[in-house]
Protein backbone atom coordinates (compact mmCIF):
# COMPACT_ATOMS: atom_id res chain seq x y z
CA MET A 1 0.25 -0.26 0.19
CA ALA A 2 2.81 2.62 0.20
CA ASP A 3 4.32 1.97 -3.10
CA LYS A 4 0.82 2.74 -4.44
CA LEU A 5 1.22 6.01 -2.62
CA GLU A 6 4.91 6.54 -2.80
CA THR A 7 4.12 5.98 -7.17
CA THR A 8 0.77 8.44 -7.02
CA ALA A 9 2.96 11.26 -5.28
CA ASN A 10 5.60 10.81 -7.91
CA MET A 11 3.14 11.19 -9.67
CA GLU A 12 1.08 14.65 -9.35
CA PRO A 13 3.91 16.68 -11.12
CA GLY A 14 4.41 14.44 -13.64
CA VAL A 15 0.36 15.33 -14.31
CA ALA A 16 0.36 18.78 -13.24
CA GLU A 17 2.96 19.28 -16.53
CA LEU A 18 1.02 17.26 -18.85
CA LYS A 19 -2.03 19.33 -17.67
CA GLU A 20 -0.23 22.41 -18.46
CA ASP A 21 1.04 21.16 -22.14
CA LEU A 22 -2.21 20.42 -22.53
CA ALA A 23 -3.81 24.43 -22.46
CA ARG A 24 -0.76 25.46 -24.03
CA LEU A 25 -1.70 22.94 -27.27
CA ARG A 26 -5.26 24.07 -26.69
CA GLU A 27 -4.06 28.25 -26.83
CA ASP A 28 -1.27 27.35 -29.75
CA LEU A 29 -4.82 25.15 -31.56
CA ALA A 30 -6.83 28.15 -31.09
CA LYS A 31 -4.05 31.10 -32.51
CA LEU A 32 -3.98 28.49 -35.60
CA ALA A 33 -7.16 28.57 -36.52
CA ALA A 34 -7.56 32.10 -35.89
CA THR A 35 -4.83 32.53 -38.01
CA VAL A 36 -6.02 29.85 -40.92
CA GLY A 37 -9.59 31.72 -40.95
CA GLU A 38 -7.76 34.77 -41.92
CA THR A 39 -5.69 34.09 -44.54
CA ALA A 40 -8.62 32.48 -46.34
CA LYS A 41 -10.79 35.19 -45.74
CA ALA A 42 -7.73 37.35 -47.19
CA GLY A 43 -7.46 34.56 -49.62
CA LEU A 44 -11.47 34.88 -50.34
CA LYS A 45 -10.69 38.96 -50.98
CA GLY A 46 -7.68 38.25 -53.59
CA ALA A 47 -9.27 36.03 -55.39
CA THR A 48 -12.40 37.57 -55.35
CA ALA A 49 -10.32 40.70 -57.01
CA ASP A 50 -8.75 39.38 -59.76
CA ALA A 51 -12.17 38.03 -60.62
CA GLY A 52 -13.52 41.24 -60.54
CA ALA A 53 -10.48 42.40 -62.64
CA ALA A 54 -10.48 39.62 -65.24
CA ALA A 55 -14.18 40.37 -65.64
CA GLY A 56 -13.88 43.55 -66.35
CA GLU A 57 -11.35 42.84 -68.70
CA ALA A 58 -13.64 40.26 -70.20
CA GLY A 59 -16.00 43.10 -70.64
CA ASP A 60 -14.21 45.15 -72.30
CA TRP A 61 -12.54 42.66 -74.60
CA ALA A 62 -15.88 41.58 -75.71
CA GLU A 63 -17.66 45.48 -76.31
CA VAL A 64 -14.45 45.73 -78.58
CA GLN A 65 -15.32 42.56 -80.23
CA TYR A 66 -18.44 43.76 -81.24
CA HIS A 67 -17.29 47.12 -82.33
CA ASN A 68 -15.29 45.45 -84.50
CA MET A 69 -17.67 43.20 -86.40
CA ARG A 70 -20.40 45.98 -86.75
CA THR A 71 -17.86 47.75 -88.82
CA CYS A 72 -16.87 44.53 -91.24
CA ILE A 73 -20.56 44.01 -91.66
CA ARG A 74 -21.04 47.69 -92.56
CA GLU A 75 -18.40 47.18 -95.23
CA GLN A 76 -19.45 44.15 -96.55
CA PRO A 77 -22.77 43.64 -96.26
CA ILE A 78 -22.46 40.82 -99.03
CA THR A 79 -19.75 39.08 -97.36
CA SER A 80 -21.99 38.66 -93.77
CA CYS A 81 -24.81 37.92 -94.78
CA ALA A 82 -23.48 34.65 -96.92
CA ILE A 83 -21.26 33.93 -93.89
CA ALA A 84 -24.38 33.42 -91.93
CA ALA A 85 -26.09 31.67 -94.09
CA GLY A 86 -23.17 29.49 -94.59
CA ALA A 87 -23.24 29.12 -90.78
CA GLY A 88 -26.76 29.04 -90.92
CA PHE A 89 -27.33 25.89 -92.70
CA VAL A 90 -23.86 24.03 -91.56
CA LEU A 91 -26.23 24.19 -88.23
CA GLY A 92 -29.30 22.87 -89.45
CA GLN A 93 -27.54 19.84 -91.22
CA ILE A 94 -26.05 19.39 -87.67
CA LEU A 95 -29.66 19.84 -85.80
CA LEU A 96 -31.79 17.71 -88.56
CA ARG A 97 -28.95 14.54 -88.39
CA ARG A 98 -30.44 14.07 -84.76
């Protein structure tokens, strides 16, 4: 019985140290979770900004292409009509084959 008491007394400092380590580990995990959350928010903000810039560039490109096509159609109306008719014919043949 005395051996059990001595063993328990020897374990108490180790248990207290283990509790301290667990408390520090909890704090570190809380800090890590906060850091991961902040990093994710920053990444999302950056991705949103990049997507907005890409959308703006795509819109600008589409507008330029629209004006170029409109100018080409006005300068060569017969050629434009022939191309549109040919494309319509090919597309019609593809869709009718089902």
